[in-house]
C-alpha atoms as a PDB file:
ATOM      1  CA  MET A   1      99.074  43.997  58.610  1.00  0.00           C
ATOM      2  CA  SER A   2     100.405  47.029  60.413  1.00  0.00           C
ATOM      3  CA  LEU A   3      97.989  49.327  62.240  1.00  0.00           C
ATOM      4  CA  LYS A   4      98.529  52.932  63.199  1.00  0.00           C
ATOM      5  CA  PRO A   5      99.966  53.489  66.689  1.00  0.00           C
ATOM      6  CA  SER A   6      97.414  54.108  69.466  1.00  0.00           C
ATOM      7  CA  ALA A   7      98.200  57.832  69.463  1.00  0.00           C
ATOM      8  CA  GLU A   8      96.900  58.089  65.887  1.00  0.00           C
ATOM      9  CA  LEU A   9      93.747  56.032  66.434  1.00  0.00           C
ATOM     10  CA  GLU A  10      90.602  57.826  67.521  1.00  0.00           C
ATOM     11  CA  TRP A  11      89.375  55.862  70.523  1.00  0.00           C
ATOM     12  CA  ILE A  12      85.707  56.244  71.456  1.00  0.00           C
ATOM     13  CA  LYS A  13      84.800  55.440  75.055  1.00  0.00           C
ATOM     14  CA  SER A  14      81.576  53.631  75.871  1.00  0.00           C
ATOM     15  CA  SER A  15      78.829  55.946  77.097  1.00  0.00           C
ATOM     16  CA  TYR A  16      78.566  53.633  80.119  1.00  0.00           C
ATOM     17  CA  SER A  17      82.139  54.471  81.220  1.00  0.00           C
ATOM     18  CA  THR A  18      82.465  56.761  84.223  1.00  0.00           C
ATOM     19  CA  ASP A  19      85.288  57.527  86.632  1.00  0.00           C
ATOM     20  CA  ASP A  20      83.411  55.671  89.390  1.00  0.00           C
ATOM     21  CA  GLY A  21      81.625  53.047  87.319  1.00  0.00           C
ATOM     22  CA  PRO A  22      82.398  49.554  86.112  1.00  0.00           C
ATOM     23  CA  SER A  23      85.188  48.729  83.712  1.00  0.00           C
ATOM     24  CA  CYS A  24      84.119  49.592  80.196  1.00  0.00           C
ATOM     25  CA  VAL A  25      85.525  49.515  76.716  1.00  0.00           C
ATOM     26  CA  GLU A  26      86.792  51.855  74.052  1.00  0.00           C
ATOM     27  CA  VAL A  27      86.693  51.148  70.335  1.00  0.00           C
ATOM     28  CA  ALA A  28      88.667  52.505  67.398  1.00  0.00           C
ATOM     29  CA  THR A  29      88.338  51.853  63.704  1.00  0.00           C
ATOM     30  CA  ALA A  30      91.123  51.257  61.222  1.00  0.00           C
ATOM     31  CA  PRO A  31      90.631  50.730  57.484  1.00  0.00           C
ATOM     32  CA  THR A  32      90.120  46.969  57.769  1.00  0.00           C
ATOM     33  CA  ARG A  33      89.826  46.368  61.517  1.00  0.00           C
ATOM     34  CA  ILE A  34      87.944  47.373  64.645  1.00  0.00           C
ATOM     35  CA  LEU A  35      89.993  47.510  67.838  1.00  0.00           C
ATOM     36  CA  VAL A  36      88.617  47.123  71.357  1.00  0.00           C
ATOM     37  CA  ARG A  37      90.434  47.873  74.618  1.00  0.00           C
ATOM     38  CA  ASP A  38      89.743  48.292  78.331  1.00  0.00           C
ATOM     39  CA  SER A  39      89.100  51.976  79.003  1.00  0.00           C
ATOM     40  CA  LYS A  40      90.799  51.736  82.403  1.00  0.00           C
ATOM     41  CA  ASN A  41      93.935  50.130  80.895  1.00  0.00           C
ATOM     42  CA  PRO A  42      94.503  51.919  77.566  1.00  0.00           C
ATOM     43  CA  ASP A  43      98.082  50.654  77.240  1.00  0.00           C
ATOM     44  CA  GLY A  44      97.046  47.040  77.862  1.00  0.00           C
ATOM     45  CA  PRO A  45      96.105  44.373  75.339  1.00  0.00           C
ATOM     46  CA  ARG A  46      93.604  44.973  72.557  1.00  0.00           C
ATOM     47  CA  LEU A  47      91.143  42.776  70.758  1.00  0.00           C
ATOM     48  CA  THR A  48      91.304  43.208  66.978  1.00  0.00           C
ATOM     49  CA  LEU A  49      88.302  42.236  64.860  1.00  0.00           C
ATOM     50  CA  ALA A  50      88.123  41.964  61.073  1.00  0.00           C
END
């Protein structure tokens, strides 16, 4: 299954993320998947959940 490129996904950053704080996550939803990525490494790997 092909997902939209990152630029088209609406990523939502964890409310616990800060510029000075610990590493946190961002999530985005696609029609049949939920994607999770490291907010400090947005171009890095992603976890995809059904």
